[in-house]
Amino acid sequence: MRLCVDDVKDAKNMHDSKDLDRIDRALLRALQRDARLTQEQLAEQVGLSASAVQRRLRRLEQIGAIRGYTAVLEPTALGLGLSAVISVRLDKHRADNLRSPLDAFRAAVAGWPEVVECLALTGEMDYVLRVHVSDMEHYARFVLETLLRHESVADLKSSFVLAQIKPYAGYAL
């Protein structure tokens, strides 16, 4: 999964959480636990017909409460045994760029398979990247040959993940 959260404008497409009733929240909780549940199984859990669940799910998708359905993969099973968090500061005042350094970086990061998540930040650093690679050699190659060679990158700070204490398991609803 590659995600770059860089604009608040995406949030404007989402309706207010007060638009979600008790049944919507129950459906969302169930799907967060297991997105493979059938509409019939969901209907049984929330006390509606399968067709009513289908209509609600379609509405939840349309308003942006459900962005998609996905499988959670184990990086080590995919040969990605090293996980790092990289904070990146951009050079925002490059006169030789035709487009802004922010735009150039956002476009580039979308194509880097090592980056599984990219968040825009406030504060000293501009972005934080969550990176999964096979090993330290792969990490060094990514940093030296890709990240540091990008025209917009001024500085970076890396930290390696020792253990995942609380994996993402969904939102509190």
Protein backbone atom coordinates (compact mmCIF):
# COMPACT_ATOMS: atom_id res chain seq x y z
CA MET A 1 0.00 0.00 0.00
CA ARG A 2 1.39 3.40 -0.97
CA LEU A 3 -0.28 6.40 0.59
CA CYS A 4 0.78 10.04 0.45
CA VAL A 5 -1.36 12.26 2.64
CA ASP A 6 -0.44 15.76 1.56
CA ASP A 7 -3.53 17.89 1.30
CA VAL A 8 -6.42 18.72 3.56
CA LYS A 9 -8.64 18.97 0.47
CA ASP A 10 -9.25 15.20 0.58
CA ALA A 11 -10.94 15.63 3.96
CA LYS A 12 -13.42 18.09 2.43
CA ASN A 13 -14.91 15.25 0.38
CA MET A 14 -15.73 13.33 3.56
CA HIS A 15 -19.07 14.04 5.21
CA ASP A 16 -19.20 14.89 8.88
CA SER A 17 -19.10 11.92 11.25
CA LYS A 18 -22.56 12.92 12.51
CA ASP A 19 -23.86 11.56 9.17
CA LEU A 20 -22.96 8.08 10.43
CA ASP A 21 -25.59 6.40 12.55
CA ARG A 22 -25.25 3.47 14.95
CA ILE A 23 -25.73 0.89 12.18
CA ASP A 24 -23.20 2.58 9.87
CA ARG A 25 -20.64 2.49 12.69
CA ALA A 26 -21.42 -1.18 13.40
CA LEU A 27 -20.88 -2.00 9.72
CA LEU A 28 -17.60 -0.10 9.66
CA ARG A 29 -16.38 -1.83 12.86
CA ALA A 30 -17.21 -5.23 11.39
CA LEU A 31 -15.45 -4.45 8.10
CA GLN A 32 -12.35 -3.19 9.91
CA ARG A 33 -12.14 -6.54 11.70
CA ASP A 34 -12.79 -8.59 8.56
CA ALA A 35 -13.40 -6.99 5.15
CA ARG A 36 -14.16 -10.43 3.69
CA LEU A 37 -17.53 -10.66 5.44
CA THR A 38 -20.39 -11.16 3.01
CA GLN A 39 -23.32 -8.77 2.92
CA GLU A 40 -25.42 -11.56 4.42
CA GLN A 41 -23.00 -11.94 7.35
CA LEU A 42 -22.92 -8.18 7.88
CA ALA A 43 -26.72 -8.05 7.72
CA GLU A 44 -26.95 -10.70 10.43
CA GLN A 45 -24.55 -8.75 12.66
CA VAL A 46 -26.40 -5.44 12.38
CA GLY A 47 -29.97 -6.71 12.12
CA LEU A 48 -30.78 -5.56 8.58
CA SER A 49 -31.51 -7.28 5.29
CA ALA A 50 -28.63 -7.93 2.89
CA SER A 51 -30.09 -5.43 0.41
CA ALA A 52 -30.25 -2.71 3.10
CA VAL A 53 -26.61 -3.45 3.98
CA GLN A 54 -25.68 -3.21 0.31
CA ARG A 55 -27.33 0.24 0.07
CA ARG A 56 -25.57 1.43 3.22
CA LEU A 57 -22.18 0.16 2.03
CA ARG A 58 -22.66 1.89 -1.32
CA ARG A 59 -23.49 5.15 0.49
CA LEU A 60 -20.50 4.77 2.84
CA GLU A 61 -18.28 4.29 -0.22
CA GLN A 62 -19.81 7.30 -2.00
CA ILE A 63 -19.30 9.66 0.95
CA GLY A 64 -15.72 8.46 1.39
CA ALA A 65 -16.12 6.68 4.72
CA ILE A 66 -14.95 3.49 2.97
CA ARG A 67 -11.99 4.14 0.67
CA GLY A 68 -11.46 0.53 -0.38
CA TYR A 69 -11.08 -3.07 0.68
CA THR A 70 -7.63 -4.57 1.13
CA ALA A 71 -5.62 -7.42 2.60
CA VAL A 72 -3.09 -6.75 5.35
CA LEU A 73 0.22 -8.28 4.28
CA GLU A 74 3.18 -9.33 6.41
CA PRO A 75 6.30 -7.54 5.07
CA THR A 76 8.73 -10.22 6.28
CA ALA A 77 6.78 -12.89 4.37
CA LEU A 78 7.38 -10.76 1.26
CA GLY A 79 11.13 -10.57 1.87
CA LEU A 80 10.94 -7.05 3.31
CA GLY A 81 12.72 -7.60 6.62
CA LEU A 82 13.86 -4.04 7.36
CA SER A 83 11.48 -1.22 8.20
CA ALA A 84 12.53 2.40 8.60
CA VAL A 85 10.95 5.77 9.24
CA ILE A 86 12.61 8.61 7.37
CA SER A 87 11.96 12.29 8.07
CA VAL A 88 12.64 14.47 5.02
CA ARG A 89 13.22 18.21 4.76
CA LEU A 90 12.93 19.77 1.32
CA ASP A 91 14.80 22.64 -0.26
CA LYS A 92 11.83 24.90 -0.91
CA HIS A 93 13.65 27.78 -2.57
CA ARG A 94 15.21 26.30 -5.70
CA ALA A 95 15.05 28.94 -8.42
CA ASP A 96 15.97 26.47 -11.17
CA ASN A 97 12.84 24.33 -10.72
CA LEU A 98 9.96 24.91 -13.09
CA ARG A 99 7.60 23.30 -10.62
CA SER A 100 7.73 23.60 -6.86
CA PRO A 101 10.01 21.25 -4.88
CA LEU A 102 6.92 20.06 -2.99
CA ASP A 103 5.17 19.03 -6.20
CA ALA A 104 8.32 17.39 -7.57
CA PHE A 105 8.82 15.40 -4.36
CA ARG A 106 5.18 14.30 -4.16
CA ALA A 107 5.29 13.09 -7.76
CA ALA A 108 8.54 11.19 -7.19
CA VAL A 109 7.54 9.51 -3.93
CA ALA A 110 4.45 8.06 -5.58
CA GLY A 111 6.75 5.99 -7.79
CA TRP A 112 9.11 4.67 -5.12
CA PRO A 113 8.01 1.12 -4.23
CA GLU A 114 10.03 1.11 -0.99
CA VAL A 115 7.79 3.87 0.42
CA VAL A 116 4.57 2.41 1.79
CA GLU A 117 3.35 5.61 3.43
CA CYS A 118 4.15 9.31 3.10
CA LEU A 119 2.78 11.99 5.42
CA ALA A 120 3.14 15.76 5.11
CA LEU A 121 4.14 17.34 8.42
CA THR A 122 4.26 20.61 10.26
CA GLY A 123 7.46 21.52 12.06
CA GLU A 124 11.13 21.16 11.19
CA MET A 125 10.75 18.32 8.68
CA ASP A 126 8.34 18.37 5.74
CA TYR A 127 7.52 14.68 5.29
CA VAL A 128 7.83 11.37 7.05
CA LEU A 129 8.21 8.22 4.97
CA ARG A 130 7.54 4.70 6.17
CA VAL A 131 9.83 2.43 4.17
CA HIS A 132 10.06 -1.37 3.87
CA VAL A 133 13.14 -2.90 2.23
CA SER A 134 14.77 -6.31 2.13
CA ASP A 135 17.93 -5.47 4.07
CA MET A 136 20.46 -2.76 4.95
CA GLU A 137 22.03 -2.92 1.49
CA HIS A 138 18.64 -2.28 -0.11
CA TYR A 139 18.03 0.57 2.36
CA ALA A 140 21.41 2.18 1.60
CA ARG A 141 20.78 1.90 -2.13
CA PHE A 142 17.35 3.53 -1.77
CA VAL A 143 18.66 6.40 0.35
CA LEU A 144 21.85 7.07 -1.60
CA GLU A 145 20.66 6.43 -5.15
CA THR A 146 17.05 7.58 -4.96
CA LEU A 147 16.13 9.74 -2.00
CA LEU A 148 19.28 11.85 -1.62
CA ARG A 149 19.61 12.27 -5.38
CA HIS A 150 16.19 13.86 -5.61
CA GLU A 151 16.57 17.54 -6.44
CA SER A 152 14.17 18.70 -3.72
CA VAL A 153 15.65 16.80 -0.76
CA ALA A 154 17.76 18.99 1.53
CA ASP A 155 18.09 16.71 4.57
CA LEU A 156 16.83 13.48 6.07
CA LYS A 157 16.87 11.63 9.36
CA SER A 158 16.34 7.89 9.59
CA SER A 159 15.18 5.61 12.37
CA PHE A 160 14.88 1.84 12.14
CA VAL A 161 11.90 -0.01 13.53
CA LEU A 162 12.95 -2.47 16.25
CA ALA A 163 9.47 -3.82 16.93
CA GLN A 164 5.90 -2.96 16.04
CA ILE A 165 4.14 -2.39 19.36
CA LYS A 166 0.66 -1.47 18.14
CA PRO A 167 -0.11 -2.24 14.53
CA TYR A 168 -2.91 -0.37 12.82
CA ALA A 169 -6.12 -2.21 13.56
CA GLY A 170 -8.73 0.32 12.51
CA TYR A 171 -10.28 3.46 13.92
CA ALA A 172 -12.26 3.69 17.14
CA LEU A 173 -15.91 3.96 16.11
